[in-house]
Amino acid sequence: MDQSQLTEQDMTKDCLYDEKQMLSLYTTFLIEAACPNTRGEIMRIITESQQVQFEVFNAMKARGWYPVKNAPMPEVAQALQKAHENN
């Protein structure tokens, strides 16, 4: 294989990165939007983008390209408590 060609793993990784970046930008745009119609449309786009991001993530995880481990329940409870304290 020509080393200048991207592998399926490289392309999928790039896709996941792009989706994360786009979601960040859409969220910023949503925060700054004043028009209710614009906000609604941005929310629709965010929901679609989140679904795509999750599908790409799951595809990577299923192929072993994005290994994850489950957090122990005490750590989850601690993170939730901390999040509630910050709100």
Protein backbone atom coordinates (compact mmCIF):
# COMPACT_ATOMS: atom_id res chain seq x y z
CA MET A 1 0.00 0.00 0.00
CA ASP A 2 1.16 3.51 -0.80
CA GLN A 3 2.06 5.19 2.50
CA SER A 4 0.55 8.48 1.32
CA GLN A 5 -2.95 6.94 1.33
CA LEU A 6 -5.11 7.19 4.41
CA THR A 7 -6.30 3.99 6.01
CA GLU A 8 -9.93 3.42 6.95
CA GLN A 9 -8.90 3.97 10.56
CA ASP A 10 -7.25 7.31 9.69
CA MET A 11 -10.33 8.50 7.79
CA THR A 12 -12.67 7.42 10.57
CA LYS A 13 -10.50 9.15 13.17
CA ASP A 14 -10.54 12.34 11.07
CA CYS A 15 -14.31 12.10 10.73
CA LEU A 16 -14.75 11.79 14.51
CA TYR A 17 -12.43 14.75 15.10
CA ASP A 18 -14.32 16.85 12.54
CA GLU A 19 -17.67 16.01 14.12
CA LYS A 20 -16.37 17.03 17.55
CA GLN A 21 -15.08 20.32 16.16
CA MET A 22 -18.34 21.04 14.36
CA LEU A 23 -20.37 20.33 17.49
CA SER A 24 -18.21 22.77 19.40
CA LEU A 25 -18.77 25.46 16.77
CA TYR A 26 -22.51 24.80 16.57
CA THR A 27 -22.76 25.10 20.35
CA THR A 28 -20.99 28.46 20.29
CA PHE A 29 -23.28 29.62 17.52
CA LEU A 30 -26.33 28.47 19.51
CA ILE A 31 -25.22 30.35 22.60
CA GLU A 32 -24.83 33.55 20.60
CA ALA A 33 -28.02 33.24 18.52
CA ALA A 34 -30.88 35.56 19.50
CA CYS A 35 -33.51 34.56 16.92
CA PRO A 36 -35.77 31.70 18.12
CA ASN A 37 -36.04 30.25 14.60
CA THR A 38 -32.27 30.26 14.20
CA ARG A 39 -31.82 28.66 17.62
CA GLY A 40 -34.31 25.95 16.73
CA GLU A 41 -32.53 25.16 13.49
CA ILE A 42 -29.15 25.07 15.22
CA MET A 43 -30.56 22.70 17.84
CA ARG A 44 -31.80 20.41 15.06
CA ILE A 45 -28.35 20.46 13.44
CA ILE A 46 -26.66 19.77 16.79
CA THR A 47 -28.93 16.77 17.40
CA GLU A 48 -28.10 15.35 13.96
CA SER A 49 -24.38 15.97 14.44
CA GLN A 50 -24.43 14.31 17.85
CA GLN A 51 -26.02 11.24 16.29
CA VAL A 52 -23.38 11.11 13.54
CA GLN A 53 -20.60 11.58 16.09
CA PHE A 54 -21.99 8.75 18.22
CA GLU A 55 -22.28 6.43 15.22
CA VAL A 56 -18.67 7.12 14.19
CA PHE A 57 -17.52 6.64 17.79
CA ASN A 58 -19.35 3.30 18.03
CA ALA A 59 -17.88 2.14 14.71
CA MET A 60 -14.39 2.97 15.96
CA LYS A 61 -15.01 1.30 19.30
CA ALA A 62 -16.37 -1.85 17.62
CA ARG A 63 -13.19 -2.13 15.52
CA GLY A 64 -10.93 -1.60 18.53
CA TRP A 65 -9.78 1.80 17.24
CA TYR A 66 -11.16 3.73 20.22
CA PRO A 67 -10.72 1.61 23.33
CA VAL A 68 -12.74 2.71 26.33
CA LYS A 69 -13.17 1.33 29.79
CA ASN A 70 -16.16 1.66 32.05
CA ALA A 71 -15.63 3.99 34.97
CA PRO A 72 -16.12 2.46 38.40
CA MET A 73 -19.44 3.53 39.95
CA PRO A 74 -17.77 5.45 42.82
CA GLU A 75 -15.97 7.61 40.24
CA VAL A 76 -19.23 8.21 38.35
CA ALA A 77 -20.99 9.21 41.58
CA GLN A 78 -18.12 11.54 42.50
CA ALA A 79 -18.20 13.21 39.06
CA LEU A 80 -21.97 13.69 39.28
CA GLN A 81 -21.68 15.18 42.76
CA LYS A 82 -18.95 17.56 41.59
CA ALA A 83 -21.06 18.61 38.57
CA HIS A 84 -24.05 19.35 40.80
CA GLU A 85 -21.89 21.40 43.16
CA ASN A 86 -20.65 23.53 40.25
CA ASN A 87 -24.19 24.40 39.11
